[in-house]
PDB file of N, CA and C in Angstrom:
ATOM      1  N   MET A   1       9.618 -55.778 -81.777  1.00  0.00           N
ATOM      2  CA  MET A   1       8.403 -55.095 -82.738  1.00  0.00           C
ATOM      3  C   MET A   1       8.076 -56.083 -83.722  1.00  0.00           C
ATOM      4  N   PRO A   2       6.874 -56.159 -84.100  1.00  0.00           N
ATOM      5  CA  PRO A   2       6.306 -57.186 -85.096  1.00  0.00           C
ATOM      6  C   PRO A   2       6.746 -56.551 -86.355  1.00  0.00           C
ATOM      7  N   GLU A   3       6.955 -57.528 -87.331  1.00  0.00           N
ATOM      8  CA  GLU A   3       7.458 -57.092 -88.747  1.00  0.00           C
ATOM      9  C   GLU A   3       6.269 -56.242 -89.553  1.00  0.00           C
ATOM     10  N   TRP A   4       5.055 -56.334 -89.123  1.00  0.00           N
ATOM     11  CA  TRP A   4       4.095 -55.567 -89.692  1.00  0.00           C
ATOM     12  C   TRP A   4       3.856 -54.273 -89.201  1.00  0.00           C
ATOM     13  N   ALA A   5       4.538 -53.920 -88.098  1.00  0.00           N
ATOM     14  CA  ALA A   5       4.606 -52.560 -87.485  1.00  0.00           C
ATOM     15  C   ALA A   5       4.530 -51.434 -88.254  1.00  0.00           C
ATOM     16  N   ASP A   6       5.306 -51.625 -89.298  1.00  0.00           N
ATOM     17  CA  ASP A   6       5.596 -50.409 -90.163  1.00  0.00           C
ATOM     18  C   ASP A   6       4.373 -50.232 -91.324  1.00  0.00           C
ATOM     19  N   SER A   7       3.414 -51.259 -91.539  1.00  0.00           N
ATOM     20  CA  SER A   7       2.320 -51.186 -92.594  1.00  0.00           C
ATOM     21  C   SER A   7       1.262 -50.752 -91.801  1.00  0.00           C
ATOM     22  N   GLN A   8       0.198 -50.568 -92.658  1.00  0.00           N
ATOM     23  CA  GLN A   8      -1.032 -49.979 -92.017  1.00  0.00           C
ATOM     24  C   GLN A   8      -1.921 -51.113 -91.405  1.00  0.00           C
ATOM     25  N   THR A   9      -1.945 -52.372 -92.003  1.00  0.00           N
ATOM     26  CA  THR A   9      -2.763 -53.284 -91.482  1.00  0.00           C
ATOM     27  C   THR A   9      -1.905 -54.585 -90.872  1.00  0.00           C
ATOM     28  N   ALA A  10      -2.801 -55.345 -90.041  1.00  0.00           N
ATOM     29  CA  ALA A  10      -2.088 -56.507 -89.321  1.00  0.00           C
ATOM     30  C   ALA A  10      -2.234 -57.721 -90.427  1.00  0.00           C
ATOM     31  N   PRO A  11      -1.453 -58.622 -90.064  1.00  0.00           N
ATOM     32  CA  PRO A  11      -1.401 -59.998 -90.887  1.00  0.00           C
ATOM     33  C   PRO A  11      -2.852 -60.327 -90.816  1.00  0.00           C
ATOM     34  N   GLY A  12      -3.316 -60.745 -91.902  1.00  0.00           N
ATOM     35  CA  GLY A  12      -4.748 -61.367 -91.938  1.00  0.00           C
ATOM     36  C   GLY A  12      -5.752 -60.387 -92.234  1.00  0.00           C
ATOM     37  N   GLU A  13      -5.307 -59.114 -92.242  1.00  0.00           N
ATOM     38  CA  GLU A  13      -6.184 -58.097 -92.665  1.00  0.00           C
ATOM     39  C   GLU A  13      -5.822 -57.416 -93.641  1.00  0.00           C
ATOM     40  N   ALA A  14      -5.072 -57.976 -94.654  1.00  0.00           N
ATOM     41  CA  ALA A  14      -4.438 -57.309 -95.934  1.00  0.00           C
ATOM     42  C   ALA A  14      -5.854 -57.038 -96.821  1.00  0.00           C
ATOM     43  N   GLY A  15      -5.858 -55.927 -97.481  1.00  0.00           N
ATOM     44  CA  GLY A  15      -6.917 -55.548 -98.180  1.00  0.00           C
ATOM     45  C   GLY A  15      -8.318 -54.945 -97.703  1.00  0.00           C
ATOM     46  N   ARG A  16      -8.300 -55.043 -96.298  1.00  0.00           N
ATOM     47  CA  ARG A  16      -9.452 -54.779 -95.679  1.00  0.00           C
ATOM     48  C   ARG A  16      -9.611 -53.338 -95.536  1.00  0.00           C
ATOM     49  N   ARG A  17     -10.627 -52.797 -95.817  1.00  0.00           N
ATOM     50  CA  ARG A  17     -10.900 -51.311 -95.731  1.00  0.00           C
ATOM     51  C   ARG A  17     -11.984 -51.062 -94.733  1.00  0.00           C
ATOM     52  N   ASP A  18     -12.015 -49.756 -94.375  1.00  0.00           N
ATOM     53  CA  ASP A  18     -12.969 -49.307 -93.372  1.00  0.00           C
ATOM     54  C   ASP A  18     -14.303 -49.456 -94.073  1.00  0.00           C
ATOM     55  N   GLY A  19     -15.402 -49.942 -93.423  1.00  0.00           N
ATOM     56  CA  GLY A  19     -16.647 -50.017 -94.111  1.00  0.00           C
ATOM     57  C   GLY A  19     -16.920 -51.422 -94.412  1.00  0.00           C
ATOM     58  N   ASP A  20     -15.949 -52.341 -94.541  1.00  0.00           N
ATOM     59  CA  ASP A  20     -16.101 -53.589 -95.031  1.00  0.00           C
ATOM     60  C   ASP A  20     -17.096 -54.319 -94.147  1.00  0.00           C
ATOM     61  N   GLY A  21     -17.780 -55.252 -94.581  1.00  0.00           N
ATOM     62  CA  GLY A  21     -18.920 -55.924 -93.664  1.00  0.00           C
ATOM     63  C   GLY A  21     -20.246 -55.247 -93.396  1.00  0.00           C
ATOM     64  N   GLN A  22     -20.284 -54.129 -94.016  1.00  0.00           N
ATOM     65  CA  GLN A  22     -21.449 -53.185 -93.972  1.00  0.00           C
ATOM     66  C   GLN A  22     -22.260 -53.328 -95.403  1.00  0.00           C
ATOM     67  N   ALA A  23     -23.577 -53.102 -95.108  1.00  0.00           N
ATOM     68  CA  ALA A  23     -24.313 -53.114 -96.491  1.00  0.00           C
ATOM     69  C   ALA A  23     -23.864 -51.895 -97.316  1.00  0.00           C
ATOM     70  N   PRO A  24     -23.818 -52.202 -98.518  1.00  0.00           N
ATOM     71  CA  PRO A  24     -23.667 -51.111 -99.477  1.00  0.00           C
ATOM     72  C   PRO A  24     -24.694 -50.051 -99.469  1.00  0.00           C
ATOM     73  N   PRO A  25     -24.244 -48.838 -99.659  1.00  0.00           N
ATOM     74  CA  PRO A  25     -25.503 -47.821 -99.508  1.00  0.00           C
ATOM     75  C   PRO A  25     -26.497 -47.879-100.695  1.00  0.00           C
ATOM     76  N   LEU A  26     -27.793 -47.608-100.584  1.00  0.00           N
ATOM     77  CA  LEU A  26     -28.696 -47.489-101.415  1.00  0.00           C
ATOM     78  C   LEU A  26     -28.516 -46.596-102.407  1.00  0.00           C
ATOM     79  N   ARG A  27     -28.806 -46.824-103.552  1.00  0.00           N
ATOM     80  CA  ARG A  27     -28.604 -45.950-104.654  1.00  0.00           C
ATOM     81  C   ARG A  27     -29.843 -45.829-105.630  1.00  0.00           C
ATOM     82  N   GLY A  28     -30.137 -44.708-106.128  1.00  0.00           N
ATOM     83  CA  GLY A  28     -30.885 -44.415-107.122  1.00  0.00           C
ATOM     84  C   GLY A  28     -32.419 -44.625-106.889  1.00  0.00           C
ATOM     85  N   ALA A  29     -33.277 -45.366-107.575  1.00  0.00           N
ATOM     86  CA  ALA A  29     -34.616 -45.263-107.458  1.00  0.00           C
ATOM     87  C   ALA A  29     -35.051 -46.211-106.090  1.00  0.00           C
ATOM     88  N   ARG A  30     -34.441 -47.018-105.809  1.00  0.00           N
ATOM     89  CA  ARG A  30     -34.639 -47.885-104.618  1.00  0.00           C
ATOM     90  C   ARG A  30     -34.619 -46.948-103.308  1.00  0.00           C
ATOM     91  N   ALA A  31     -33.522 -46.110-103.342  1.00  0.00           N
ATOM     92  CA  ALA A  31     -33.504 -45.210-102.114  1.00  0.00           C
ATOM     93  C   ALA A  31     -34.468 -44.145-102.164  1.00  0.00           C
ATOM     94  N   TRP A  32     -34.891 -43.512-103.249  1.00  0.00           N
ATOM     95  CA  TRP A  32     -36.122 -42.834-103.372  1.00  0.00           C
ATOM     96  C   TRP A  32     -37.251 -43.421-103.014  1.00  0.00           C
ATOM     97  N   LEU A  33     -37.570 -44.581-103.395  1.00  0.00           N
ATOM     98  CA  LEU A  33     -38.788 -45.312-103.073  1.00  0.00           C
ATOM     99  C   LEU A  33     -39.025 -45.461-101.736  1.00  0.00           C
ATOM    100  N   LEU A  34     -37.975 -45.943-100.824  1.00  0.00           N
ATOM    101  CA  LEU A  34     -37.863 -46.154 -99.387  1.00  0.00           C
ATOM    102  C   LEU A  34     -37.813 -44.973 -98.719  1.00  0.00           C
ATOM    103  N   PHE A  35     -37.293 -43.674 -99.209  1.00  0.00           N
ATOM    104  CA  PHE A  35     -37.430 -42.383 -98.594  1.00  0.00           C
ATOM    105  C   PHE A  35     -39.016 -41.843 -98.729  1.00  0.00           C
ATOM    106  N   LEU A  36     -39.725 -42.083 -99.741  1.00  0.00           N
ATOM    107  CA  LEU A  36     -40.838 -41.662-100.027  1.00  0.00           C
ATOM    108  C   LEU A  36     -42.094 -42.622 -99.198  1.00  0.00           C
ATOM    109  N   LEU A  37     -41.736 -43.823 -98.970  1.00  0.00           N
ATOM    110  CA  LEU A  37     -42.594 -44.633 -98.350  1.00  0.00           C
ATOM    111  C   LEU A  37     -42.418 -44.238 -96.872  1.00  0.00           C
ATOM    112  N   GLY A  38     -41.388 -43.901 -96.585  1.00  0.00           N
ATOM    113  CA  GLY A  38     -41.167 -43.596 -94.976  1.00  0.00           C
ATOM    114  C   GLY A  38     -41.821 -42.236 -94.667  1.00  0.00           C
ATOM    115  N   LEU A  39     -41.575 -41.241 -95.592  1.00  0.00           N
ATOM    116  CA  LEU A  39     -42.153 -39.983 -95.399  1.00  0.00           C
ATOM    117  C   LEU A  39     -43.630 -40.019 -95.390  1.00  0.00           C
ATOM    118  N   GLY A  40     -44.320 -40.937 -96.412  1.00  0.00           N
ATOM    119  CA  GLY A  40     -45.660 -41.171 -96.585  1.00  0.00           C
ATOM    120  C   GLY A  40     -46.294 -41.832 -95.256  1.00  0.00           C
ATOM    121  N   LEU A  41     -45.624 -42.791 -94.711  1.00  0.00           N
ATOM    122  CA  LEU A  41     -46.059 -43.381 -93.397  1.00  0.00           C
ATOM    123  C   LEU A  41     -46.023 -42.463 -92.206  1.00  0.00           C
ATOM    124  N   GLN A  42     -44.905 -41.615 -92.177  1.00  0.00           N
ATOM    125  CA  GLN A  42     -44.991 -40.686 -91.100  1.00  0.00           C
ATOM    126  C   GLN A  42     -45.915 -39.652 -91.120  1.00  0.00           C
ATOM    127  N   THR A  43     -46.241 -38.959 -92.270  1.00  0.00           N
ATOM    128  CA  THR A  43     -47.212 -38.175 -92.643  1.00  0.00           C
ATOM    129  C   THR A  43     -48.521 -38.694 -92.246  1.00  0.00           C
ATOM    130  N   PHE A  44     -48.798 -39.918 -92.608  1.00  0.00           N
ATOM    131  CA  PHE A  44     -50.165 -40.576 -92.287  1.00  0.00           C
ATOM    132  C   PHE A  44     -50.221 -40.756 -90.601  1.00  0.00           C
ATOM    133  N   LEU A  45     -49.205 -41.136 -90.042  1.00  0.00           N
ATOM    134  CA  LEU A  45     -49.289 -41.605 -88.561  1.00  0.00           C
ATOM    135  C   LEU A  45     -49.476 -40.143 -87.934  1.00  0.00           C
ATOM    136  N   TRP A  46     -48.838 -39.114 -88.379  1.00  0.00           N
ATOM    137  CA  TRP A  46     -48.968 -37.686 -87.778  1.00  0.00           C
ATOM    138  C   TRP A  46     -50.632 -37.321 -88.029  1.00  0.00           C
ATOM    139  N   PHE A  47     -51.012 -37.543 -89.061  1.00  0.00           N
ATOM    140  CA  PHE A  47     -52.375 -37.059 -89.535  1.00  0.00           C
ATOM    141  C   PHE A  47     -53.433 -37.907 -88.711  1.00  0.00           C
ATOM    142  N   LEU A  48     -53.007 -39.193 -88.330  1.00  0.00           N
ATOM    143  CA  LEU A  48     -53.943 -39.990 -87.382  1.00  0.00           C
ATOM    144  C   LEU A  48     -53.826 -39.304 -85.996  1.00  0.00           C
ATOM    145  N   LEU A  49     -52.798 -38.922 -85.434  1.00  0.00           N
ATOM    146  CA  LEU A  49     -52.553 -38.246 -84.071  1.00  0.00           C
ATOM    147  C   LEU A  49     -53.434 -37.076 -83.986  1.00  0.00           C
ATOM    148  N   PHE A  50     -53.209 -36.241 -85.045  1.00  0.00           N
ATOM    149  CA  PHE A  50     -54.028 -34.941 -84.893  1.00  0.00           C
ATOM    150  C   PHE A  50     -55.310 -35.120 -85.054  1.00  0.00           C
ATOM    151  N   LEU A  51     -55.786 -36.086 -85.878  1.00  0.00           N
ATOM    152  CA  LEU A  51     -57.190 -36.255 -86.037  1.00  0.00           C
ATOM    153  C   LEU A  51     -57.745 -36.822 -84.811  1.00  0.00           C
ATOM    154  N   ALA A  52     -57.100 -37.770 -84.021  1.00  0.00           N
ATOM    155  CA  ALA A  52     -57.458 -38.048 -82.691  1.00  0.00           C
ATOM    156  C   ALA A  52     -57.765 -36.898 -81.779  1.00  0.00           C
ATOM    157  N   ILE A  53     -56.772 -36.135 -81.780  1.00  0.00           N
ATOM    158  CA  ILE A  53     -56.716 -34.912 -80.778  1.00  0.00           C
ATOM    159  C   ILE A  53     -57.995 -34.040 -81.105  1.00  0.00           C
ATOM    160  N   VAL A  54     -58.121 -33.791 -82.348  1.00  0.00           N
ATOM    161  CA  VAL A  54     -59.485 -33.054 -82.848  1.00  0.00           C
ATOM    162  C   VAL A  54     -60.551 -33.534 -82.586  1.00  0.00           C
ATOM    163  N   VAL A  55     -60.826 -34.889 -82.642  1.00  0.00           N
ATOM    164  CA  VAL A  55     -61.970 -35.650 -82.283  1.00  0.00           C
ATOM    165  C   VAL A  55     -62.206 -35.536 -80.682  1.00  0.00           C
ATOM    166  N   ALA A  56     -61.114 -35.704 -80.020  1.00  0.00           N
ATOM    167  CA  ALA A  56     -61.076 -35.767 -78.612  1.00  0.00           C
ATOM    168  C   ALA A  56     -61.635 -34.281 -78.128  1.00  0.00           C
ATOM    169  N   VAL A  57     -61.033 -33.237 -78.765  1.00  0.00           N
ATOM    170  CA  VAL A  57     -61.623 -31.909 -78.253  1.00  0.00           C
ATOM    171  C   VAL A  57     -62.894 -31.584 -78.719  1.00  0.00           C
ATOM    172  N   LEU A  58     -63.287 -31.920 -79.924  1.00  0.00           N
ATOM    173  CA  LEU A  58     -64.780 -31.627 -80.484  1.00  0.00           C
ATOM    174  C   LEU A  58     -65.954 -32.313 -79.616  1.00  0.00           C
ATOM    175  N   VAL A  59     -65.607 -33.497 -79.180  1.00  0.00           N
ATOM    176  CA  VAL A  59     -66.653 -34.205 -78.601  1.00  0.00           C
ATOM    177  C   VAL A  59     -66.414 -34.211 -77.023  1.00  0.00           C
ATOM    178  N   GLY A  60     -65.359 -33.923 -76.643  1.00  0.00           N
ATOM    179  CA  GLY A  60     -65.065 -33.674 -75.290  1.00  0.00           C
ATOM    180  C   GLY A  60     -65.646 -34.645 -74.405  1.00  0.00           C
ATOM    181  N   HIS A  61     -66.856 -33.925 -73.471  1.00  0.00           N
ATOM    182  CA  HIS A  61     -67.121 -34.875 -72.361  1.00  0.00           C
ATOM    183  C   HIS A  61     -67.902 -36.215 -73.008  1.00  0.00           C
ATOM    184  N   GLN A  62     -68.308 -36.319 -74.286  1.00  0.00           N
ATOM    185  CA  GLN A  62     -69.028 -37.501 -74.868  1.00  0.00           C
ATOM    186  C   GLN A  62     -68.158 -38.610 -74.896  1.00  0.00           C
ATOM    187  N   LEU A  63     -66.842 -38.407 -74.816  1.00  0.00           N
ATOM    188  CA  LEU A  63     -66.081 -39.630 -74.995  1.00  0.00           C
ATOM    189  C   LEU A  63     -65.935 -40.223 -73.553  1.00  0.00           C
ATOM    190  N   THR A  64     -66.767 -41.411 -73.372  1.00  0.00           N
ATOM    191  CA  THR A  64     -66.671 -42.125 -71.941  1.00  0.00           C
ATOM    192  C   THR A  64     -65.788 -43.232 -71.983  1.00  0.00           C
ATOM    193  N   GLU A  65     -65.411 -43.817 -73.124  1.00  0.00           N
ATOM    194  CA  GLU A  65     -64.522 -44.936 -73.247  1.00  0.00           C
ATOM    195  C   GLU A  65     -63.214 -44.855 -72.333  1.00  0.00           C
ATOM    196  N   PHE A  66     -62.827 -43.403 -72.160  1.00  0.00           N
ATOM    197  CA  PHE A  66     -61.480 -43.388 -71.502  1.00  0.00           C
ATOM    198  C   PHE A  66     -61.621 -43.898 -70.130  1.00  0.00           C
ATOM    199  N   ARG A  67     -62.694 -43.963 -69.639  1.00  0.00           N
ATOM    200  CA  ARG A  67     -62.763 -44.455 -68.236  1.00  0.00           C
ATOM    201  C   ARG A  67     -62.162 -46.054 -68.120  1.00  0.00           C
ATOM    202  N   TYR A  68     -62.261 -46.607 -69.154  1.00  0.00           N
ATOM    203  CA  TYR A  68     -61.851 -48.018 -69.326  1.00  0.00           C
ATOM    204  C   TYR A  68     -60.161 -48.188 -69.304  1.00  0.00           C
ATOM    205  N   VAL A  69     -59.713 -47.193 -69.696  1.00  0.00           N
ATOM    206  CA  VAL A  69     -58.255 -47.136 -69.797  1.00  0.00           C
ATOM    207  C   VAL A  69     -57.414 -46.515 -68.699  1.00  0.00           C
ATOM    208  N   GLY A  70     -58.156 -45.810 -67.813  1.00  0.00           N
ATOM    209  CA  GLY A  70     -57.683 -45.339 -66.492  1.00  0.00           C
ATOM    210  C   GLY A  70     -57.575 -43.882 -66.614  1.00  0.00           C
ATOM    211  N   PHE A  71     -58.139 -43.241 -67.706  1.00  0.00           N
ATOM    212  CA  PHE A  71     -58.352 -41.550 -67.552  1.00  0.00           C
ATOM    213  C   PHE A  71     -59.473 -41.320 -66.976  1.00  0.00           C
TER     214      PHE A  71
END
């Protein structure tokens, strides 16, 4: 049995903790900024999607460009 079997870590891994090697969690204003930027981008993209659906429904048969993309 190796001499380090009674300890929690193998030789060469002393002082190593779970999570080492990973980026530290974001804190404070930077985390809020990234959260709000992501939320704003997602909201904008959903708005564009629903706007496209509304335009397609309202003008219906007048949209002839779809024939070029296989619809």
